[in-house]
């Protein structure tokens, strides 16, 4: 019974972490798009270019972490057989 409860906690934690990471990735992409559209009208300085790169990189990383978490959740039965 306890192993099943631990698996539910792991699934809930990993699922919520995946949703939050995927959401942060999507939000970062929108912030990057908004910032790059706004900066096309004005001269870009080094700080705004760095900020665009940070938004783009964080968007990609968070989105990939979220997608990876969903793949792990899909294969949770296989992982349970391997580790239990």
N, C-alpha and C. Protein backbone atom coordinates (compact mmCIF):
# COMPACT_ATOMS: atom_id res chain seq x y z
N UNK A 1 0.82 -1.20 0.00
CA UNK A 1 0.00 0.00 0.00
C UNK A 1 0.86 1.26 0.00
N UNK A 2 1.95 1.22 0.77
CA UNK A 2 2.80 2.40 0.87
C UNK A 2 3.52 2.68 -0.45
N UNK A 3 3.94 1.62 -1.17
CA UNK A 3 4.59 1.82 -2.46
C UNK A 3 3.64 2.48 -3.44
N UNK A 4 2.39 2.09 -3.41
CA UNK A 4 1.40 2.68 -4.29
C UNK A 4 1.20 4.16 -3.95
N UNK A 5 1.16 4.46 -2.65
CA UNK A 5 1.00 5.85 -2.22
C UNK A 5 2.20 6.69 -2.65
N UNK A 6 3.41 6.13 -2.53
CA UNK A 6 4.61 6.85 -2.96
C UNK A 6 4.60 7.08 -4.47
N UNK A 7 4.10 6.11 -5.23
CA UNK A 7 4.00 6.29 -6.67
C UNK A 7 3.01 7.39 -7.03
N UNK A 8 1.90 7.48 -6.29
CA UNK A 8 0.94 8.55 -6.55
C UNK A 8 1.54 9.91 -6.25
N UNK A 9 2.29 10.00 -5.17
CA UNK A 9 2.95 11.27 -4.84
C UNK A 9 3.95 11.64 -5.93
N UNK A 10 4.73 10.65 -6.40
CA UNK A 10 5.70 10.90 -7.46
C UNK A 10 5.01 11.34 -8.74
N UNK A 11 3.91 10.69 -9.10
CA UNK A 11 3.18 11.05 -10.32
C UNK A 11 2.60 12.46 -10.20
N UNK A 12 2.03 12.79 -9.05
CA UNK A 12 1.46 14.13 -8.87
C UNK A 12 2.55 15.18 -8.92
N UNK A 13 3.67 14.94 -8.25
CA UNK A 13 4.77 15.91 -8.25
C UNK A 13 5.33 16.09 -9.65
N UNK A 14 5.60 14.97 -10.34
CA UNK A 14 6.18 15.06 -11.67
C UNK A 14 5.21 15.68 -12.66
N UNK A 15 3.93 15.36 -12.55
CA UNK A 15 2.94 15.95 -13.44
C UNK A 15 2.80 17.44 -13.23
N UNK A 16 2.75 17.88 -11.98
CA UNK A 16 2.63 19.32 -11.72
C UNK A 16 3.91 20.04 -12.13
N UNK A 17 5.07 19.43 -11.90
CA UNK A 17 6.32 20.04 -12.32
C UNK A 17 6.38 20.16 -13.84
N UNK A 18 5.90 19.14 -14.55
CA UNK A 18 5.89 19.18 -16.01
C UNK A 18 4.95 20.26 -16.53
N UNK A 19 3.78 20.38 -15.91
CA UNK A 19 2.84 21.43 -16.33
C UNK A 19 3.41 22.81 -16.07
N UNK A 20 4.00 23.01 -14.91
CA UNK A 20 4.57 24.32 -14.58
C UNK A 20 5.73 24.64 -15.52
N UNK A 21 6.60 23.68 -15.79
CA UNK A 21 7.74 23.92 -16.69
C UNK A 21 7.27 24.22 -18.11
N UNK A 22 6.31 23.45 -18.59
CA UNK A 22 5.77 23.72 -19.92
C UNK A 22 5.10 25.07 -20.00
N UNK A 23 4.36 25.44 -18.96
CA UNK A 23 3.72 26.76 -18.93
C UNK A 23 4.73 27.89 -18.89
N UNK A 24 5.79 27.72 -18.10
CA UNK A 24 6.83 28.75 -18.06
C UNK A 24 7.54 28.87 -19.41
N UNK A 25 7.72 27.75 -20.09
CA UNK A 25 8.32 27.80 -21.41
C UNK A 25 7.46 28.56 -22.40
N UNK A 26 6.17 28.32 -22.38
CA UNK A 26 5.26 29.02 -23.29
C UNK A 26 5.21 30.51 -22.96
N UNK A 27 5.16 30.84 -21.67
CA UNK A 27 5.15 32.25 -21.26
C UNK A 27 6.44 32.94 -21.70
N UNK A 28 7.57 32.25 -21.57
CA UNK A 28 8.84 32.84 -21.99
C UNK A 28 8.87 33.09 -23.49
N UNK A 29 8.29 32.17 -24.27
CA UNK A 29 8.23 32.39 -25.71
C UNK A 29 7.39 33.63 -26.04
N UNK A 30 6.26 33.80 -25.36
CA UNK A 30 5.43 34.98 -25.61
C UNK A 30 6.13 36.26 -25.19
N UNK A 31 6.85 36.22 -24.07
CA UNK A 31 7.60 37.41 -23.64
C UNK A 31 8.71 37.74 -24.62
N UNK A 32 9.36 36.69 -25.15
CA UNK A 32 10.39 36.90 -26.16
C UNK A 32 9.80 37.54 -27.42
N UNK A 33 8.66 37.04 -27.87
CA UNK A 33 8.02 37.59 -29.06
C UNK A 33 7.60 39.03 -28.84
N UNK A 34 7.04 39.32 -27.66
CA UNK A 34 6.62 40.69 -27.36
C UNK A 34 7.82 41.62 -27.31
N UNK A 35 8.90 41.17 -26.68
CA UNK A 35 10.08 42.01 -26.55
C UNK A 35 10.75 42.22 -27.90
N UNK A 36 10.81 41.18 -28.73
CA UNK A 36 11.47 41.34 -30.02
C UNK A 36 10.64 42.22 -30.96
N UNK A 37 9.31 42.15 -30.86
CA UNK A 37 8.49 43.04 -31.68
C UNK A 37 8.63 44.49 -31.23
N UNK A 38 8.69 44.69 -29.93
CA UNK A 38 8.83 46.05 -29.40
C UNK A 38 10.20 46.62 -29.74
N UNK A 39 11.23 45.78 -29.70
CA UNK A 39 12.58 46.27 -29.95
C UNK A 39 12.89 46.44 -31.42
N UNK A 40 12.07 45.93 -32.30
CA UNK A 40 12.28 46.17 -33.73
C UNK A 40 12.04 47.62 -34.08
N UNK A 41 11.22 48.30 -33.30
CA UNK A 41 10.91 49.70 -33.59
C UNK A 41 11.98 50.65 -33.09
N UNK A 42 12.74 50.23 -32.08
CA UNK A 42 13.78 51.09 -31.53
C UNK A 42 15.13 50.42 -31.73
N UNK A 43 16.18 51.19 -31.51
CA UNK A 43 17.53 50.65 -31.64
C UNK A 43 17.79 49.69 -30.48
N UNK A 44 18.27 48.51 -30.81
CA UNK A 44 18.51 47.51 -29.77
C UNK A 44 19.85 47.78 -29.09
N UNK A 45 19.83 47.81 -27.79
CA UNK A 45 21.08 47.90 -27.05
C UNK A 45 21.47 46.51 -26.57
N UNK A 46 22.62 46.42 -25.94
CA UNK A 46 23.13 45.10 -25.53
C UNK A 46 22.25 44.46 -24.47
N UNK A 47 21.68 45.25 -23.58
CA UNK A 47 20.85 44.69 -22.52
C UNK A 47 19.57 44.07 -23.07
N UNK A 48 18.94 44.73 -24.02
CA UNK A 48 17.71 44.16 -24.57
C UNK A 48 18.00 42.92 -25.41
N UNK A 49 19.14 42.89 -26.09
CA UNK A 49 19.51 41.68 -26.83
C UNK A 49 19.77 40.52 -25.87
N UNK A 50 20.43 40.81 -24.75
CA UNK A 50 20.67 39.77 -23.75
C UNK A 50 19.36 39.28 -23.15
N UNK A 51 18.44 40.21 -22.90
CA UNK A 51 17.15 39.84 -22.33
C UNK A 51 16.37 38.95 -23.30
N UNK A 52 16.42 39.26 -24.58
CA UNK A 52 15.76 38.40 -25.57
C UNK A 52 16.35 37.00 -25.57
N UNK A 53 17.68 36.92 -25.50
CA UNK A 53 18.32 35.61 -25.51
C UNK A 53 17.98 34.81 -24.26
N UNK A 54 17.89 35.49 -23.11
CA UNK A 54 17.53 34.80 -21.87
C UNK A 54 16.10 34.27 -21.95
N UNK A 55 15.17 35.07 -22.46
CA UNK A 55 13.79 34.61 -22.60
C UNK A 55 13.71 33.42 -23.55
N UNK A 56 14.43 33.49 -24.65
CA UNK A 56 14.38 32.39 -25.62
C UNK A 56 15.00 31.12 -25.04
N UNK A 57 16.15 31.25 -24.39
CA UNK A 57 16.80 30.09 -23.80
C UNK A 57 15.97 29.48 -22.68
N UNK A 58 15.42 30.32 -21.81
CA UNK A 58 14.61 29.78 -20.71
C UNK A 58 13.33 29.14 -21.25
N UNK A 59 12.78 29.70 -22.30
CA UNK A 59 11.59 29.10 -22.91
C UNK A 59 11.88 27.72 -23.46
N UNK A 60 12.99 27.58 -24.16
CA UNK A 60 13.35 26.28 -24.73
C UNK A 60 13.63 25.26 -23.63
N UNK A 61 14.41 25.67 -22.62
CA UNK A 61 14.78 24.74 -21.55
C UNK A 61 13.55 24.30 -20.76
N UNK A 62 12.71 25.24 -20.36
CA UNK A 62 11.52 24.88 -19.58
C UNK A 62 10.57 24.02 -20.39
N UNK A 63 10.41 24.33 -21.67
CA UNK A 63 9.51 23.54 -22.50
C UNK A 63 10.04 22.12 -22.66
N UNK A 64 11.34 21.97 -22.85
CA UNK A 64 11.91 20.63 -22.99
C UNK A 64 11.83 19.84 -21.70
N UNK A 65 12.01 20.51 -20.56
CA UNK A 65 11.85 19.82 -19.27
C UNK A 65 10.41 19.35 -19.10
N UNK A 66 9.45 20.21 -19.47
CA UNK A 66 8.05 19.82 -19.38
C UNK A 66 7.70 18.65 -20.27
N UNK A 67 8.18 18.67 -21.51
CA UNK A 67 7.92 17.57 -22.43
C UNK A 67 8.59 16.29 -21.93
N UNK A 68 9.81 16.40 -21.41
CA UNK A 68 10.49 15.23 -20.85
C UNK A 68 9.74 14.64 -19.68
N UNK A 69 9.17 15.49 -18.84
CA UNK A 69 8.38 15.00 -17.72
C UNK A 69 7.15 14.24 -18.17
N UNK A 70 6.51 14.71 -19.24
CA UNK A 70 5.34 13.99 -19.75
C UNK A 70 5.73 12.64 -20.34
N UNK A 71 6.91 12.55 -20.99
CA UNK A 71 7.36 11.25 -21.49
C UNK A 71 7.66 10.30 -20.34
N UNK A 72 8.24 10.82 -19.26
CA UNK A 72 8.49 9.97 -18.10
C UNK A 72 7.17 9.50 -17.50
N UNK A 73 6.18 10.38 -17.43
CA UNK A 73 4.88 9.98 -16.90
C UNK A 73 4.22 8.92 -17.78
N UNK A 74 4.39 9.04 -19.09
CA UNK A 74 3.81 8.04 -19.99
C UNK A 74 4.42 6.67 -19.77
N UNK A 75 5.69 6.65 -19.43
CA UNK A 75 6.40 5.38 -19.24
C UNK A 75 6.54 5.03 -17.77
N UNK A 76 5.65 5.54 -16.93
CA UNK A 76 5.76 5.31 -15.49
C UNK A 76 5.60 3.83 -15.13
N UNK A 77 4.78 3.11 -15.87
CA UNK A 77 4.61 1.68 -15.59
C UNK A 77 5.91 0.92 -15.83
N UNK A 78 6.62 1.30 -16.88
CA UNK A 78 7.91 0.65 -17.16
C UNK A 78 8.91 0.99 -16.07
N UNK A 79 8.95 2.25 -15.65
CA UNK A 79 9.88 2.64 -14.59
C UNK A 79 9.54 1.96 -13.27
N UNK A 80 8.26 1.78 -13.01
CA UNK A 80 7.85 1.11 -11.78
C UNK A 80 8.33 -0.34 -11.77
N UNK A 81 8.26 -1.01 -12.92
CA UNK A 81 8.73 -2.39 -12.99
C UNK A 81 10.25 -2.47 -12.86
N UNK A 82 10.94 -1.46 -13.36
CA UNK A 82 12.40 -1.46 -13.30
C UNK A 82 12.89 -1.22 -11.88
N UNK A 83 12.31 -0.25 -11.19
CA UNK A 83 12.82 0.16 -9.88
C UNK A 83 12.17 -0.54 -8.70
N UNK A 84 11.08 -1.26 -8.92
CA UNK A 84 10.42 -1.92 -7.78
C UNK A 84 10.68 -3.40 -7.80
